[in-house]
């Protein structure tokens, strides 16, 4: 979840259990279209399979 939130530029906080949390008001505005979605990230994750020997 944290990776997705960061990749899609959603502000969040991590609670004591390590679970990311988003403010409900921000979520509702984003879902209603009041806050435009950030452009899709062109960043790709590294190919960890290439590290297997």
PDB file of N, CA and C in Angstrom:
ATOM      1  N   UNK A   1       0.811  -1.186   0.000  1.00  0.00           N
ATOM      2  CA  UNK A   1       0.000   0.000   0.000  1.00  0.00           C
ATOM      3  C   UNK A   1       0.861   1.260   0.000  1.00  0.00           C
ATOM      4  N   UNK A   2       1.887   1.254   0.824  1.00  0.00           N
ATOM      5  CA  UNK A   2       2.730   2.445   0.942  1.00  0.00           C
ATOM      6  C   UNK A   2       3.371   2.778  -0.406  1.00  0.00           C
ATOM      7  N   UNK A   3       3.856   1.782  -1.100  1.00  0.00           N
ATOM      8  CA  UNK A   3       4.490   1.998  -2.396  1.00  0.00           C
ATOM      9  C   UNK A   3       3.503   2.606  -3.391  1.00  0.00           C
ATOM     10  N   UNK A   4       2.263   2.097  -3.406  1.00  0.00           N
ATOM     11  CA  UNK A   4       1.256   2.615  -4.311  1.00  0.00           C
ATOM     12  C   UNK A   4       0.924   4.070  -3.970  1.00  0.00           C
ATOM     13  N   UNK A   5       0.757   4.360  -2.690  1.00  0.00           N
ATOM     14  CA  UNK A   5       0.445   5.727  -2.266  1.00  0.00           C
ATOM     15  C   UNK A   5       1.557   6.686  -2.677  1.00  0.00           C
ATOM     16  N   UNK A   6       2.802   6.283  -2.483  1.00  0.00           N
ATOM     17  CA  UNK A   6       3.926   7.142  -2.853  1.00  0.00           C
ATOM     18  C   UNK A   6       4.005   7.308  -4.371  1.00  0.00           C
ATOM     19  N   UNK A   7       3.821   6.232  -5.103  1.00  0.00           N
ATOM     20  CA  UNK A   7       3.901   6.276  -6.558  1.00  0.00           C
ATOM     21  C   UNK A   7       2.821   7.172  -7.151  1.00  0.00           C
ATOM     22  N   UNK A   8       1.651   7.203  -6.531  1.00  0.00           N
ATOM     23  CA  UNK A   8       0.529   7.988  -7.026  1.00  0.00           C
ATOM     24  C   UNK A   8       0.360   9.313  -6.298  1.00  0.00           C
ATOM     25  N   UNK A   9       1.361   9.684  -5.523  1.00  0.00           N
ATOM     26  CA  UNK A   9       1.431  10.983  -4.854  1.00  0.00           C
ATOM     27  C   UNK A   9       0.254  11.255  -3.917  1.00  0.00           C
ATOM     28  N   UNK A  10      -0.093  10.258  -3.115  1.00  0.00           N
ATOM     29  CA  UNK A  10      -1.126  10.431  -2.100  1.00  0.00           C
ATOM     30  C   UNK A  10      -0.424  10.697  -0.768  1.00  0.00           C
ATOM     31  N   UNK A  11      -0.724  11.819  -0.104  1.00  0.00           N
ATOM     32  CA  UNK A  11      -0.126  12.060   1.205  1.00  0.00           C
ATOM     33  C   UNK A  11      -0.682  11.058   2.220  1.00  0.00           C
ATOM     34  N   UNK A  12       0.177  10.544   3.061  1.00  0.00           N
ATOM     35  CA  UNK A  12      -0.249   9.548   4.033  1.00  0.00           C
ATOM     36  C   UNK A  12       0.681   9.579   5.240  1.00  0.00           C
ATOM     37  N   UNK A  13       0.225   8.940   6.297  1.00  0.00           N
ATOM     38  CA  UNK A  13       1.023   8.784   7.514  1.00  0.00           C
ATOM     39  C   UNK A  13       1.028   7.302   7.868  1.00  0.00           C
ATOM     40  N   UNK A  14       2.078   6.866   8.512  1.00  0.00           N
ATOM     41  CA  UNK A  14       2.192   5.473   8.934  1.00  0.00           C
ATOM     42  C   UNK A  14       1.809   5.393  10.413  1.00  0.00           C
ATOM     43  N   UNK A  15       0.837   4.529  10.748  1.00  0.00           N
ATOM     44  CA  UNK A  15       0.441   4.407  12.143  1.00  0.00           C
ATOM     45  C   UNK A  15       1.404   3.508  12.910  1.00  0.00           C
ATOM     46  N   UNK A  16       1.159   3.310  14.177  1.00  0.00           N
ATOM     47  CA  UNK A  16       2.076   2.548  15.031  1.00  0.00           C
ATOM     48  C   UNK A  16       2.197   1.088  14.592  1.00  0.00           C
ATOM     49  N   UNK A  17       1.180   0.571  13.909  1.00  0.00           N
ATOM     50  CA  UNK A  17       1.210  -0.815  13.417  1.00  0.00           C
ATOM     51  C   UNK A  17       1.922  -0.919  12.069  1.00  0.00           C
ATOM     52  N   UNK A  18       2.353   0.234  11.518  1.00  0.00           N
ATOM     53  CA  UNK A  18       3.055   0.220  10.241  1.00  0.00           C
ATOM     54  C   UNK A  18       2.143   0.277   9.026  1.00  0.00           C
ATOM     55  N   UNK A  19       0.866   0.572   9.252  1.00  0.00           N
ATOM     56  CA  UNK A  19      -0.102   0.623   8.159  1.00  0.00           C
ATOM     57  C   UNK A  19      -0.275   2.079   7.715  1.00  0.00           C
ATOM     58  N   UNK A  20      -0.174   2.350   6.404  1.00  0.00           N
ATOM     59  CA  UNK A  20      -0.358   3.723   5.938  1.00  0.00           C
ATOM     60  C   UNK A  20      -1.819   4.150   6.060  1.00  0.00           C
ATOM     61  N   UNK A  21      -2.015   5.432   6.424  1.00  0.00           N
ATOM     62  CA  UNK A  21      -3.357   5.978   6.554  1.00  0.00           C
ATOM     63  C   UNK A  21      -3.456   7.281   5.777  1.00  0.00           C
ATOM     64  N   UNK A  22      -4.602   7.461   5.101  1.00  0.00           N
ATOM     65  CA  UNK A  22      -4.880   8.663   4.324  1.00  0.00           C
ATOM     66  C   UNK A  22      -6.030   9.388   5.010  1.00  0.00           C
ATOM     67  N   UNK A  23      -5.952  10.707   5.053  1.00  0.00           N
ATOM     68  CA  UNK A  23      -7.020  11.493   5.659  1.00  0.00           C
ATOM     69  C   UNK A  23      -8.298  11.308   4.848  1.00  0.00           C
ATOM     70  N   UNK A  24      -9.418  11.039   5.522  1.00  0.00           N
ATOM     71  CA  UNK A  24     -10.687  10.761   4.850  1.00  0.00           C
ATOM     72  C   UNK A  24     -11.116  11.922   3.951  1.00  0.00           C
ATOM     73  N   UNK A  25     -10.939  13.155   4.413  1.00  0.00           N
ATOM     74  CA  UNK A  25     -11.334  14.318   3.624  1.00  0.00           C
ATOM     75  C   UNK A  25     -10.563  14.371   2.307  1.00  0.00           C
ATOM     76  N   UNK A  26      -9.250  14.072   2.353  1.00  0.00           N
ATOM     77  CA  UNK A  26      -8.451  14.057   1.121  1.00  0.00           C
ATOM     78  C   UNK A  26      -8.941  12.959   0.186  1.00  0.00           C
ATOM     79  N   UNK A  27      -9.193  11.772   0.738  1.00  0.00           N
ATOM     80  CA  UNK A  27      -9.685  10.646  -0.055  1.00  0.00           C
ATOM     81  C   UNK A  27     -10.986  11.020  -0.770  1.00  0.00           C
ATOM     82  N   UNK A  28     -11.942  11.596  -0.016  1.00  0.00           N
ATOM     83  CA  UNK A  28     -13.239  11.950  -0.597  1.00  0.00           C
ATOM     84  C   UNK A  28     -13.095  12.997  -1.696  1.00  0.00           C
ATOM     85  N   UNK A  29     -12.246  14.003  -1.480  1.00  0.00           N
ATOM     86  CA  UNK A  29     -12.036  15.028  -2.506  1.00  0.00           C
ATOM     87  C   UNK A  29     -11.364  14.432  -3.736  1.00  0.00           C
ATOM     88  N   UNK A  30     -10.403  13.558  -3.543  1.00  0.00           N
ATOM     89  CA  UNK A  30      -9.683  12.944  -4.663  1.00  0.00           C
ATOM     90  C   UNK A  30     -10.618  12.056  -5.476  1.00  0.00           C
ATOM     91  N   UNK A  31     -11.478  11.299  -4.792  1.00  0.00           N
ATOM     92  CA  UNK A  31     -12.412  10.415  -5.480  1.00  0.00           C
ATOM     93  C   UNK A  31     -13.498  11.206  -6.214  1.00  0.00           C
ATOM     94  N   UNK A  32     -13.840  12.397  -5.699  1.00  0.00           N
ATOM     95  CA  UNK A  32     -14.864  13.226  -6.330  1.00  0.00           C
ATOM     96  C   UNK A  32     -14.302  14.036  -7.495  1.00  0.00           C
ATOM     97  N   UNK A  33     -12.977  14.052  -7.640  1.00  0.00           N
ATOM     98  CA  UNK A  33     -12.363  14.786  -8.728  1.00  0.00           C
ATOM     99  C   UNK A  33     -12.038  16.226  -8.385  1.00  0.00           C
ATOM    100  N   UNK A  34     -12.226  16.622  -7.120  1.00  0.00           N
ATOM    101  CA  UNK A  34     -11.924  17.989  -6.700  1.00  0.00           C
ATOM    102  C   UNK A  34     -10.416  18.239  -6.705  1.00  0.00           C
ATOM    103  N   UNK A  35      -9.640  17.187  -6.489  1.00  0.00           N
ATOM    104  CA  UNK A  35      -8.179  17.261  -6.533  1.00  0.00           C
ATOM    105  C   UNK A  35      -7.735  16.436  -7.728  1.00  0.00           C
ATOM    106  N   UNK A  36      -7.080  17.055  -8.713  1.00  0.00           N
ATOM    107  CA  UNK A  36      -6.674  16.284  -9.895  1.00  0.00           C
ATOM    108  C   UNK A  36      -5.641  15.215  -9.548  1.00  0.00           C
ATOM    109  N   UNK A  37      -5.765  14.095 -10.199  1.00  0.00           N
ATOM    110  CA  UNK A  37      -4.810  13.004  -9.999  1.00  0.00           C
ATOM    111  C   UNK A  37      -3.465  13.403 -10.592  1.00  0.00           C
ATOM    112  N   UNK A  38      -2.400  12.992  -9.948  1.00  0.00           N
ATOM    113  CA  UNK A  38      -1.055  13.268 -10.459  1.00  0.00           C
ATOM    114  C   UNK A  38      -0.834  12.450 -11.728  1.00  0.00           C
ATOM    115  N   UNK A  39       0.052  12.921 -12.566  1.00  0.00           N
ATOM    116  CA  UNK A  39       0.352  12.174 -13.774  1.00  0.00           C
ATOM    117  C   UNK A  39       0.988  10.849 -13.407  1.00  0.00           C
ATOM    118  N   UNK A  40       0.756   9.869 -14.233  1.00  0.00           N
ATOM    119  CA  UNK A  40       1.294   8.535 -13.987  1.00  0.00           C
ATOM    120  C   UNK A  40       2.818   8.591 -13.928  1.00  0.00           C
ATOM    121  N   UNK A  41       3.350   7.866 -13.004  1.00  0.00           N
ATOM    122  CA  UNK A  41       4.794   7.840 -12.830  1.00  0.00           C
ATOM    123  C   UNK A  41       5.431   6.956 -13.891  1.00  0.00           C
ATOM    124  N   UNK A  42       6.513   7.420 -14.479  1.00  0.00           N
ATOM    125  CA  UNK A  42       7.235   6.618 -15.460  1.00  0.00           C
ATOM    126  C   UNK A  42       8.341   5.822 -14.797  1.00  0.00           C
ATOM    127  N   UNK A  43       8.440   5.965 -13.493  1.00  0.00           N
ATOM    128  CA  UNK A  43       9.473   5.280 -12.733  1.00  0.00           C
ATOM    129  C   UNK A  43       9.153   3.783 -12.665  1.00  0.00           C
ATOM    130  N   UNK A  44      10.148   2.960 -12.904  1.00  0.00           N
ATOM    131  CA  UNK A  44       9.948   1.523 -12.841  1.00  0.00           C
ATOM    132  C   UNK A  44      10.770   0.962 -11.688  1.00  0.00           C
ATOM    133  N   UNK A  45      10.301  -0.151 -11.154  1.00  0.00           N
ATOM    134  CA  UNK A  45      11.019  -0.815 -10.088  1.00  0.00           C
ATOM    135  C   UNK A  45      12.179  -1.616 -10.691  1.00  0.00           C
ATOM    136  N   UNK A  46      13.225  -1.808  -9.910  1.00  0.00           N
ATOM    137  CA  UNK A  46      14.349  -2.603 -10.421  1.00  0.00           C
ATOM    138  C   UNK A  46      13.942  -4.059 -10.626  1.00  0.00           C
ATOM    139  N   UNK A  47      14.659  -4.736 -11.490  1.00  0.00           N
ATOM    140  CA  UNK A  47      14.413  -6.141 -11.765  1.00  0.00           C
ATOM    141  C   UNK A  47      15.184  -6.977 -10.746  1.00  0.00           C
ATOM    142  N   UNK A  48      14.498  -7.315  -9.643  1.00  0.00           N
ATOM    143  CA  UNK A  48      15.143  -8.068  -8.573  1.00  0.00           C
ATOM    144  C   UNK A  48      15.417  -9.511  -8.993  1.00  0.00           C
ATOM    145  N   UNK A  49      14.713 -10.014  -9.974  1.00  0.00           N
ATOM    146  CA  UNK A  49      14.944 -11.377 -10.454  1.00  0.00           C
ATOM    147  C   UNK A  49      16.345 -11.507 -11.058  1.00  0.00           C
ATOM    148  N   UNK A  50      16.885 -10.411 -11.554  1.00  0.00           N
ATOM    149  CA  UNK A  50      18.218 -10.440 -12.146  1.00  0.00           C
ATOM    150  C   UNK A  50      19.299 -10.674 -11.096  1.00  0.00           C
ATOM    151  N   UNK A  51      18.970 -10.477  -9.814  1.00  0.00           N
ATOM    152  CA  UNK A  51      19.938 -10.655  -8.754  1.00  0.00           C
ATOM    153  C   UNK A  51      20.063 -12.106  -8.300  1.00  0.00           C
ATOM    154  N   UNK A  52      19.100 -12.934  -8.663  1.00  0.00           N
ATOM    155  CA  UNK A  52      19.158 -14.355  -8.280  1.00  0.00           C
ATOM    156  C   UNK A  52      20.305 -15.039  -8.998  1.00  0.00           C
ATOM    157  N   UNK A  53      21.067 -15.788  -8.254  1.00  0.00           N
ATOM    158  CA  UNK A  53      22.208 -16.498  -8.839  1.00  0.00           C
ATOM    159  C   UNK A  53      21.910 -17.940  -9.049  1.00  0.00           C
TER     160      UNK A  53
END
